[in-house]
Protein backbone atom coordinates (compact mmCIF):
# COMPACT_ATOMS: atom_id res chain seq x y z
CA GLN A 1 0.00 0.00 0.00
CA LEU A 2 2.47 2.64 -1.13
CA ARG A 3 -0.35 4.91 -2.20
CA SER A 4 -1.28 5.56 1.44
CA HIS A 5 2.22 6.93 2.00
CA ALA A 6 2.29 9.08 -1.12
CA ILE A 7 3.48 12.64 -0.83
CA VAL A 8 2.81 15.09 -3.63
CA ALA A 9 5.65 17.50 -4.19
CA ILE A 10 5.05 20.47 -6.44
CA SER A 11 7.88 22.75 -7.43
CA VAL A 12 7.10 26.43 -7.91
CA PRO A 13 9.91 27.98 -9.97
CA LYS A 14 8.06 31.29 -10.30
CA PHE A 15 8.40 31.92 -6.57
CA ASP A 16 11.56 30.10 -5.65
CA ARG A 17 13.43 27.61 -7.81
CA ARG A 18 15.28 26.29 -4.79
CA ARG A 19 12.22 25.65 -2.66
CA LEU A 20 9.85 22.70 -2.89
CA TYR A 21 6.30 22.82 -1.60
CA VAL A 22 5.09 19.55 -0.16
CA VAL A 23 1.57 18.61 0.86
CA ASP A 24 1.13 15.47 2.94
CA ARG A 25 -1.90 13.24 3.44
CA ASP A 26 -3.20 15.55 6.18
CA ARG A 27 -3.28 18.47 3.73
CA ARG A 28 -0.54 20.20 5.69
CA LEU A 29 1.76 22.39 3.62
CA HIS A 30 5.48 21.90 4.07
CA THR A 31 8.38 23.67 2.45
CA ILE A 32 11.66 21.85 1.98
CA GLU A 33 14.88 23.07 0.42
CA SER A 34 15.53 21.52 -2.95
CA ARG A 35 18.66 21.60 -5.07
CA LEU A 36 16.84 22.06 -8.34
CA SER A 37 18.83 23.83 -11.02
CA SER A 38 17.43 26.19 -13.65
CA SER A 39 17.43 23.30 -16.13
CA THR A 40 15.07 21.29 -13.92
CA SER A 41 12.91 24.23 -12.84
CA THR A 42 10.30 23.14 -15.37
CA THR A 43 9.97 19.70 -13.79
CA LEU A 44 6.40 18.49 -13.64
CA PRO A 45 4.76 17.83 -10.26
CA GLN A 46 6.08 14.49 -9.06
CA ILE A 47 4.79 11.95 -6.60
CA LEU A 48 7.29 10.86 -3.96
CA PHE A 49 6.81 7.61 -2.05
CA LEU A 50 8.10 7.07 1.46
CA SER A 51 10.00 3.86 2.01
């Protein structure tokens, strides 16, 4: 049941290319530092699974 542990991470390059906005299952917004470069700033929203 990996879906129950899914975390949706959406990068917002328009605000901060180095910051990643994460929303967990409880709809709580978290901001984590990301090392995204300008070449990956256009990365589509990705789903991260916790191990």
